[in-house]
Amino acid sequence: MTTPPAPSAAPHRDWRATAAACTTVLLWASAFVSIRSAGEAYSPGALALGRLLAGSLALGVLLVVRREGLPSRAAWPGIIWSGLLWFGLYMVVLNWGEQQVDAGTAAMVVNVGPLLIALLGARMLGEGLPGRLLAGMAVSFAGAAVVGLSMSGDGGASVLGVTLCLLAAVAYATGVVRQKPALRHGSALQITTFGCLVGTVACLPFSGALISDAADAPLSATLNMVYLGLFPTALAFTTWAYALARTTAGRMGATTYAVPALVVLMSWLVLDEVPAPLTVGGGLLCLAGVAVSRMRPQTGLTRKDPAPPVEGHRHDAEHREADRR
């Protein structure tokens, strides 16, 4: 009598996880448009701190309203590592790197991140490397490279800028892989909130720069910084954690390859930047690669949601054994 509800509940969770992943990708793509505005008035560290302060405030209020409290002790190593590497180091280094290189070069280098996530996930989390995932990531990475080349300026890259973007990719990938185990011991909101707080504390040395920049920054730049904190940080990192808890780190990383394609579309709609045909082609390649990586042959298994049914079958077997006795 307990087994029938399980199949109907699983698709619901899968649908929500897909919606959460799509929300994250859309908001992270919008972040590139906002960073362009805010980055003109705020230094890299100040922008990261302002963004994290806004995100921490929003997440803290939500945590109190929902009365979720503190996650268990087992979650804290992952929270601290992801907070320092992803919320802290990644945001500062990426902001700095994008001031040294053109957007196209930054996009190409940072998109090493999903590949690193898949490799680190296989090494540190015991996740597999299915052929579809690797093929999809290869297609998406080729698309990201095409987008980057088509958007690159003349001689805009510097060794420092490329190094910073590569460091951002490593920090991002390592932070994601460190966050994944923590999600077994706390909710997506808890892990995101306290990770954001750790990143905020790590960026407090930039407080003076934030105060100084805020005094001279135009209102539009400050509003963009607040937007980055509320939506691409508070909301998008929470929906990311929700989806990550329900799939592998490698597959979630592959999903972010849709970001370059969406950035091209948003720049066209919001900034009137008409993309070149090569850029459009690269964006389509990114989306095609994401589709391939998400279309795993386990579709039937995801519907069943292996963990609960296995437990349910185990209980049924125990009951049948007891009846025989």
Foldseek 3Di string as FASTA:
>chain_A
DPPPVQLVVLVVLVVLLVVLLVLLLLLVLVLVVLLVQLLVLAAQLLLLLLLLVLQLVVLVVVCVVVVQDAWDPVLVQLLLLLLCLQSALLSSLLSNLCVQAPPLLLQLLLLCQLVLLLVCCCVPVVDDDDPLLVQLSVLLSQLSNLLSVQRGDPVRHDPSSSVSSNSSSVSNSVSLSSNQVSCVGGALSNSLNSSSVSNNVVSCVCVVSNVVSVVVRDPSSSVSSSSSNHRSRNSSSSSLSSSCNLDPSSLSSLSSSLSQLSSQVCCCVPVVPPGDPSNNVSNVSSVSSNVSNVPDPCVVVSSSVPPPVVVVVVVVVVVVVVVVD
